[in-house]
Amino acid sequence: MNKVNGKSGCSVKHINALFLPGTICKSLVYFGIRTTKFQVRVIYLAVWMVFLLVFIRVDFRFSLGDFIDVTERVCGCTSCIMDPQEDPWFMELYDSRVPKFMNRTNSNISALTYNWWMRLQRSRSLNLSDVVEPLFSLFRDEEHYSDSGPDRCRTCAVVGNSANMIRSHYGAMIDAHDFVFRMNHGPTQGYERDVGLKTTHRAIYPESAIDLDNSTHLVLLPFKVLDLQWLISVFTTKNITRTYRAVKPTINANKDKVMIINPEFIRYVYERWLMKNGKYPSTGFIILMLAVHICDQVNVFGFGASADGRWHHYFDHWHHPSIHAGEHRGGVEYDVILKLEQQQRIKMYKGW
């Protein structure tokens, strides 16, 4: 074996060094390969890099993954509506910039929206601009639910009125959500075990209005200017008793919890998500899409047909034989809901 001389990069201290580099140095000496100190350092560095990549690559990958999860987390829940996915369908339709609720600042809606919205109305003699000032002098003029971020986990239940809620025993699960949205006059009393008792938001329009408790947000879906005038009247003069049919001139509700869906959002849901199918979206679909835009997790209850294929309400005491599966009038809406579930943006509970 060739001896190590003073000109070699390998020396006794290298041979007695850590096992792996020392072994390399012994091998170089044994085969008579002369090295400089710089070459030895390069060899050591290469060996240690291989060691790191081969033996601790799994730990490094997990640490990096954990780091990415923390820095790119879109909400504080274990899974979020906005989690990135490969299918572009959802992100191509979703637009967070569309205003969800009306306030004094965004009430000056676009000409396209205004013209579309006015075509929904029987009377076009009323102007939106005439009601904005009295509207937001009476109700809170503020931005709602624009607090999304990595630390927020807002869970929402959207509770429809389908008969598939009967004997579902979903009540406790529904009440465990942060927000519970209900539509029109879907009752809770007497149905608590299946539909729950909690209601944080009740979506109505004048023709479907009911009394609310003091903790529930009245969410108005304005399909016409007269709906906004009715809302003002409910809390002031109480003199509007009819729209296209008789309506309640007043209801019990907390004035400070009134929210008004922006017509821009209704048109956005109709044109973007429903591709202009039908005349306008249903109350249930608008509220479901609202939840998708302001919540981090959305669970949907009481949408679709019952187990026997009928489209009726859980509180109906009659079942008309003609109201059967086939093509429900909300077929396009239901297809979108099913696709949202398929892409794991929402979770549906069908009761059967």
Protein backbone atom coordinates (compact mmCIF):
# COMPACT_ATOMS: atom_id res chain seq x y z
CA MET A 1 0.00 0.00 0.00
CA ASN A 2 1.38 3.43 -0.90
CA LYS A 3 2.17 5.62 2.03
CA VAL A 4 0.58 8.95 2.55
CA ASN A 5 3.03 11.76 1.96
CA GLY A 6 2.83 15.45 2.78
CA LYS A 7 1.58 16.41 -0.66
CA SER A 8 -1.51 14.24 -0.44
CA GLY A 9 -4.85 15.70 0.57
CA CYS A 10 -5.58 12.56 2.63
CA SER A 11 -3.87 12.37 6.00
CA VAL A 12 -4.22 10.46 9.24
CA LYS A 13 -6.72 12.98 10.58
CA HIS A 14 -8.94 12.35 7.55
CA ILE A 15 -8.62 8.60 7.90
CA ASN A 16 -9.63 8.85 11.54
CA ALA A 17 -12.51 11.21 10.73
CA LEU A 18 -16.17 10.27 10.53
CA PHE A 19 -16.69 6.76 9.27
CA LEU A 20 -17.96 7.48 5.77
CA PRO A 21 -15.44 10.17 4.67
CA GLY A 22 -12.64 8.26 6.42
CA THR A 23 -13.46 5.13 4.47
CA ILE A 24 -13.31 7.08 1.21
CA CYS A 25 -9.92 8.51 2.13
CA LYS A 26 -8.55 5.05 3.04
CA SER A 27 -9.71 3.79 -0.34
CA LEU A 28 -7.92 6.60 -2.15
CA VAL A 29 -4.70 5.88 -0.27
CA TYR A 30 -4.97 2.12 -0.85
CA PHE A 31 -5.26 2.53 -4.61
CA GLY A 32 -2.47 5.07 -4.71
CA ILE A 33 -4.69 7.92 -5.83
CA ARG A 34 -3.06 11.20 -4.91
CA THR A 35 -5.38 14.07 -3.99
CA THR A 36 -5.04 17.68 -3.01
CA LYS A 37 -6.79 19.15 0.03
CA PHE A 38 -9.26 20.91 -2.28
CA GLN A 39 -10.13 17.68 -4.06
CA VAL A 40 -10.67 15.92 -0.76
CA ARG A 41 -13.06 18.64 0.36
CA VAL A 42 -15.02 18.35 -2.90
CA ILE A 43 -15.24 14.57 -2.49
CA TYR A 44 -16.41 14.95 1.13
CA LEU A 45 -19.08 17.45 0.08
CA ALA A 46 -20.35 15.19 -2.70
CA VAL A 47 -20.48 12.19 -0.38
CA TRP A 48 -22.43 14.08 2.28
CA MET A 49 -24.89 15.42 -0.29
CA VAL A 50 -25.54 11.88 -1.57
CA PHE A 51 -25.97 10.74 2.03
CA LEU A 52 -28.53 13.47 2.71
CA LEU A 53 -30.50 12.79 -0.46
CA VAL A 54 -30.55 9.02 -0.02
CA PHE A 55 -31.11 8.63 3.70
CA ILE A 56 -33.18 11.62 4.81
CA ARG A 57 -35.04 12.55 1.62
CA VAL A 58 -38.37 11.35 3.09
CA ASP A 59 -38.05 13.56 6.16
CA PHE A 60 -37.10 16.51 3.99
CA ARG A 61 -40.08 15.97 1.72
CA PHE A 62 -42.51 15.85 4.64
CA SER A 63 -41.01 18.96 6.20
CA LEU A 64 -41.27 20.84 2.92
CA GLY A 65 -44.84 19.66 2.43
CA ASP A 66 -45.79 20.85 5.88
CA PHE A 67 -44.23 24.21 5.12
CA ILE A 68 -46.16 24.55 1.87
CA ASP A 69 -49.43 23.58 3.57
CA VAL A 70 -49.01 26.29 6.19
CA THR A 71 -47.95 29.08 3.85
CA GLU A 72 -50.53 28.34 1.14
CA ARG A 73 -53.48 27.39 3.33
CA VAL A 74 -56.64 29.14 2.11
CA CYS A 75 -58.67 28.70 5.29
CA GLY A 76 -58.39 27.31 8.79
CA CYS A 77 -60.51 24.20 8.15
CA THR A 78 -59.09 20.77 7.38
CA SER A 79 -60.51 21.16 3.86
CA CYS A 80 -61.69 24.35 2.18
CA ILE A 81 -63.97 25.23 -0.72
CA MET A 82 -61.12 27.12 -2.37
CA ASP A 83 -58.55 24.32 -2.12
CA PRO A 84 -56.74 24.04 -5.49
CA GLN A 85 -57.82 21.18 -7.75
CA GLU A 86 -56.93 20.01 -11.22
CA ASP A 87 -60.39 20.49 -12.76
CA PRO A 88 -60.66 24.14 -13.90
CA TRP A 89 -64.50 24.21 -14.08
CA PHE A 90 -65.06 25.74 -10.64
CA MET A 91 -62.33 28.38 -10.81
CA GLU A 92 -63.42 29.45 -14.30
CA LEU A 93 -66.91 30.23 -12.98
CA TYR A 94 -66.04 31.55 -9.52
CA ASP A 95 -65.57 35.32 -9.18
CA SER A 96 -65.02 36.69 -5.68
CA ARG A 97 -65.18 40.28 -6.94
CA VAL A 98 -68.94 40.23 -7.54
CA PRO A 99 -70.66 42.03 -4.62
CA LYS A 100 -72.85 39.69 -2.60
CA PHE A 101 -74.77 42.19 -0.48
CA MET A 102 -76.01 45.68 -1.26
CA ASN A 103 -74.66 48.76 0.46
CA ARG A 104 -74.64 52.43 -0.39
CA THR A 105 -71.29 52.13 -2.21
CA ASN A 106 -72.12 49.24 -4.55
CA SER A 107 -75.81 49.99 -5.10
CA ASN A 108 -75.01 51.77 -8.36
CA ILE A 109 -75.23 48.54 -10.33
CA SER A 110 -74.05 48.17 -13.92
CA ALA A 111 -76.34 49.02 -16.82
CA LEU A 112 -76.34 45.37 -17.95
CA THR A 113 -77.47 44.18 -14.54
CA TYR A 114 -80.00 46.97 -14.13
CA ASN A 115 -81.63 46.26 -17.49
CA TRP A 116 -81.75 42.51 -16.81
CA TRP A 117 -83.12 43.05 -13.31
CA MET A 118 -85.79 45.49 -14.50
CA ARG A 119 -87.02 42.95 -17.07
CA LEU A 120 -87.95 40.64 -14.17
CA GLN A 121 -90.46 43.21 -12.90
CA ARG A 122 -94.05 43.77 -13.88
CA SER A 123 -93.84 47.49 -13.27
CA ARG A 124 -90.86 49.49 -14.50
CA SER A 125 -92.04 52.85 -13.25
CA LEU A 126 -89.94 52.56 -10.07
CA ASN A 127 -86.22 53.35 -10.00
CA LEU A 128 -83.57 51.78 -7.80
CA SER A 129 -81.93 55.16 -7.21
CA ASP A 130 -85.10 56.37 -5.49
CA VAL A 131 -84.83 53.82 -2.67
CA VAL A 132 -81.07 53.64 -2.01
CA GLU A 133 -80.88 56.61 0.35
CA PRO A 134 -83.88 55.69 2.54
CA LEU A 135 -82.75 52.05 2.44
CA PHE A 136 -79.30 52.65 3.91
CA SER A 137 -80.44 55.39 6.22
CA LEU A 138 -82.59 52.73 7.85
CA PHE A 139 -80.38 49.62 7.61
CA ARG A 140 -76.71 49.08 8.29
CA ASP A 141 -74.51 50.27 5.44
CA GLU A 142 -71.52 47.95 5.63
CA GLU A 143 -69.54 45.24 3.90
CA HIS A 144 -70.42 41.74 5.09
CA TYR A 145 -68.21 38.66 5.43
CA SER A 146 -65.11 39.90 3.62
CA ASP A 147 -62.83 38.37 6.26
CA SER A 148 -61.62 35.24 4.46
CA GLY A 149 -58.11 34.07 5.26
CA PRO A 150 -55.90 31.20 6.47
CA ASP A 151 -57.08 31.54 10.08
CA ARG A 152 -60.83 31.48 9.41
CA CYS A 153 -62.89 28.29 9.39
CA ARG A 154 -66.53 29.20 8.75
CA THR A 155 -68.80 26.18 8.44
CA CYS A 156 -72.19 26.66 6.82
CA ALA A 157 -75.31 24.54 6.46
CA VAL A 158 -77.72 25.37 3.65
CA VAL A 159 -81.05 23.79 4.55
CA GLY A 160 -83.58 23.31 1.78
CA ASN A 161 -87.19 22.24 2.14
CA SER A 162 -87.17 18.86 0.38
CA ALA A 163 -89.15 15.97 1.83
CA ASN A 164 -85.92 13.98 1.92
CA MET A 165 -85.39 15.64 5.32
CA ILE A 166 -88.17 13.53 6.86
CA ARG A 167 -86.72 11.01 9.34
CA SER A 168 -83.19 12.11 8.39
CA HIS A 169 -82.19 12.94 12.00
CA TYR A 170 -79.88 15.67 10.67
CA GLY A 171 -80.98 18.23 13.27
CA ALA A 172 -78.00 18.09 15.62
CA MET A 173 -75.54 18.05 12.71
CA ILE A 174 -77.16 21.12 11.15
CA ASP A 175 -77.16 23.06 14.41
CA ALA A 176 -73.40 22.44 14.84
CA HIS A 177 -72.55 24.77 11.93
CA ASP A 178 -71.47 28.40 12.37
CA PHE A 179 -74.06 29.64 9.86
CA VAL A 180 -77.38 27.93 9.15
CA PHE A 181 -79.23 29.26 6.09
CA ARG A 182 -82.93 28.54 5.62
CA MET A 183 -85.25 29.59 2.83
CA ASN A 184 -88.70 31.17 2.82
CA HIS A 185 -91.11 29.69 5.36
CA GLY A 186 -89.42 26.32 5.97
CA PRO A 187 -90.34 25.69 9.64
CA THR A 188 -88.20 24.28 12.43
CA GLN A 189 -90.80 23.92 15.19
CA GLY A 190 -92.02 20.35 15.27
CA TYR A 191 -89.24 19.22 12.92
CA GLU A 192 -86.21 19.87 15.14
CA ARG A 193 -84.91 16.30 15.06
CA ASP A 194 -84.67 16.31 11.27
CA VAL A 195 -83.98 19.94 10.31
CA GLY A 196 -82.54 21.42 13.50
CA LEU A 197 -83.53 24.49 15.44
CA LYS A 198 -80.75 26.98 14.73
CA THR A 199 -81.28 29.65 12.06
CA THR A 200 -78.66 32.35 11.56
CA HIS A 201 -79.93 33.53 8.15
CA ARG A 202 -83.42 33.34 6.66
CA ALA A 203 -83.73 34.17 2.95
CA ILE A 204 -87.08 35.67 1.97
CA TYR A 205 -88.86 37.96 -0.46
CA PRO A 206 -92.10 39.81 0.35
CA GLU A 207 -94.38 37.02 -0.81
CA SER A 208 -92.63 34.42 1.41
CA ALA A 209 -91.95 36.56 4.49
CA ILE A 210 -92.40 35.16 8.00
CA ASP A 211 -91.63 36.38 11.51
CA LEU A 212 -88.03 35.92 12.65
CA ASP A 213 -86.41 35.83 16.07
CA ASN A 214 -84.10 38.61 17.17
CA SER A 215 -80.88 36.69 16.44
CA THR A 216 -81.67 35.76 12.83
CA HIS A 217 -80.48 37.75 9.82
CA LEU A 218 -83.26 38.68 7.42
CA VAL A 219 -81.71 38.13 3.96
CA LEU A 220 -83.87 39.79 1.31
CA LEU A 221 -83.74 38.58 -2.28
CA PRO A 222 -84.95 41.61 -4.25
CA PHE A 223 -86.43 40.58 -7.58
CA LYS A 224 -87.98 44.03 -8.05
CA VAL A 225 -87.69 47.59 -6.73
CA LEU A 226 -91.01 47.13 -4.95
CA ASP A 227 -89.37 44.45 -2.79
CA LEU A 228 -86.96 47.07 -1.45
CA GLN A 229 -89.80 49.50 -0.85
CA TRP A 230 -91.69 46.78 1.00
CA LEU A 231 -88.66 46.15 3.22
CA ILE A 232 -88.50 49.83 4.17
CA SER A 233 -92.25 49.87 4.78
CA VAL A 234 -92.07 46.81 7.08
CA PHE A 235 -89.93 48.79 9.54
CA THR A 236 -91.58 52.21 9.04
CA THR A 237 -95.01 53.00 7.60
CA LYS A 238 -96.26 49.39 7.14
CA ASN A 239 -98.39 50.60 4.25
CA ILE A 240 -97.41 48.16 1.48
CA THR A 241 -99.87 45.29 1.57
CA ARG A 242 -99.62 44.04 -1.99
CA THR A 243 -97.04 43.36 -4.68
CA TYR A 244 -98.38 41.05 -7.40
CA ARG A 245 -100.37 39.47 -4.59
CA ALA A 246 -101.15 40.18 -0.95
CA VAL A 247 -98.11 40.41 1.35
CA LYS A 248 -97.59 40.98 5.06
CA PRO A 249 -97.34 44.71 5.82
CA THR A 250 -95.05 43.98 8.76
CA ILE A 251 -93.06 41.11 10.29
CA ASN A 252 -91.04 40.60 13.44
CA ALA A 253 -87.36 40.92 12.58
CA ASN A 254 -84.19 42.61 13.83
CA LYS A 255 -83.59 45.76 11.78
CA ASP A 256 -79.87 45.66 12.57
CA LYS A 257 -79.53 42.20 11.05
CA VAL A 258 -81.09 42.97 7.67
CA MET A 259 -79.03 42.02 4.61
CA ILE A 260 -79.96 42.54 0.97
CA ILE A 261 -78.63 40.37 -1.84
CA ASN A 262 -77.13 42.53 -4.57
CA PRO A 263 -78.83 42.21 -7.99
CA GLU A 264 -75.31 41.94 -9.43
CA PHE A 265 -74.88 38.68 -7.54
CA ILE A 266 -78.26 37.34 -8.69
CA ARG A 267 -77.38 38.05 -12.33
CA TYR A 268 -73.89 36.57 -11.87
CA VAL A 269 -75.41 33.33 -10.52
CA TYR A 270 -77.92 33.25 -13.38
CA GLU A 271 -75.52 33.95 -16.23
CA ARG A 272 -72.29 32.36 -15.01
CA TRP A 273 -73.42 29.33 -13.04
CA LEU A 274 -76.76 28.56 -14.73
CA MET A 275 -75.73 29.69 -18.22
CA LYS A 276 -78.97 31.72 -18.51
CA ASN A 277 -81.21 28.68 -18.12
CA GLY A 278 -84.68 29.67 -16.97
CA LYS A 279 -85.76 33.20 -16.15
CA TYR A 280 -83.84 33.66 -12.89
CA PRO A 281 -82.32 31.44 -10.16
CA SER A 282 -84.40 29.97 -7.36
CA THR A 283 -84.07 31.25 -3.81
CA GLY A 284 -82.41 28.03 -2.70
CA PHE A 285 -79.80 28.09 -5.45
CA ILE A 286 -78.94 31.76 -4.86
CA ILE A 287 -78.41 31.10 -1.15
CA LEU A 288 -76.36 27.98 -1.81
CA MET A 289 -74.10 29.99 -4.12
CA LEU A 290 -73.93 32.76 -1.53
CA ALA A 291 -72.68 30.21 1.00
CA VAL A 292 -70.10 28.95 -1.49
CA HIS A 293 -68.78 32.52 -1.75
CA ILE A 294 -68.71 33.49 1.95
CA CYS A 295 -68.05 30.18 3.76
CA ASP A 296 -65.07 27.85 4.02
CA GLN A 297 -67.04 24.61 4.23
CA VAL A 298 -70.60 24.14 2.94
CA ASN A 299 -72.88 21.22 3.75
CA VAL A 300 -76.19 21.06 1.87
CA PHE A 301 -79.36 19.50 3.27
CA GLY A 302 -82.87 19.16 1.89
CA PHE A 303 -82.21 19.60 -1.83
CA GLY A 304 -83.51 17.22 -4.49
CA ALA A 305 -86.26 14.62 -4.55
CA SER A 306 -87.39 12.40 -1.71
CA ALA A 307 -86.58 8.69 -1.64
CA ASP A 308 -89.74 7.89 -3.62
CA GLY A 309 -88.76 10.36 -6.35
CA ARG A 310 -91.21 13.11 -5.42
CA TRP A 311 -90.46 16.82 -5.30
CA HIS A 312 -92.36 18.16 -2.32
CA HIS A 313 -91.63 19.80 1.04
CA TYR A 314 -90.93 18.13 4.36
CA PHE A 315 -93.75 20.18 5.90
CA ASP A 316 -96.37 19.38 3.22
CA HIS A 317 -99.28 17.29 4.45
CA TRP A 318 -100.24 16.20 0.97
CA HIS A 319 -98.38 14.52 -1.88
CA HIS A 320 -99.72 15.35 -5.31
CA PRO A 321 -99.17 12.40 -7.66
CA SER A 322 -98.05 14.65 -10.52
CA ILE A 323 -95.14 16.02 -8.52
CA HIS A 324 -92.84 13.16 -9.40
CA ALA A 325 -89.23 12.83 -10.39
CA GLY A 326 -88.81 13.09 -14.15
CA GLU A 327 -87.55 16.56 -15.07
CA HIS A 328 -87.88 18.89 -12.13
CA ARG A 329 -88.08 22.58 -12.93
CA GLY A 330 -84.80 23.03 -11.03
CA GLY A 331 -83.01 20.36 -13.06
CA VAL A 332 -80.19 22.62 -14.28
CA GLU A 333 -79.64 23.97 -10.78
CA TYR A 334 -79.53 20.47 -9.36
CA ASP A 335 -76.99 19.41 -11.97
CA VAL A 336 -74.70 22.26 -10.90
CA ILE A 337 -75.13 21.29 -7.25
CA LEU A 338 -74.22 17.69 -8.04
CA LYS A 339 -71.12 18.84 -9.91
CA LEU A 340 -70.07 21.00 -6.96
CA GLU A 341 -70.34 17.90 -4.81
CA GLN A 342 -68.50 15.77 -7.34
CA GLN A 343 -65.60 18.23 -7.21
CA GLN A 344 -65.71 18.16 -3.40
CA ARG A 345 -66.53 21.87 -3.13
CA ILE A 346 -69.65 21.06 -1.08
CA LYS A 347 -71.09 17.99 0.63
CA MET A 348 -74.71 16.94 0.13
CA TYR A 349 -76.88 15.09 2.61
CA LYS A 350 -79.90 13.56 0.87
CA GLY A 351 -81.58 11.87 3.80
CA TRP A 352 -81.76 8.46 2.15
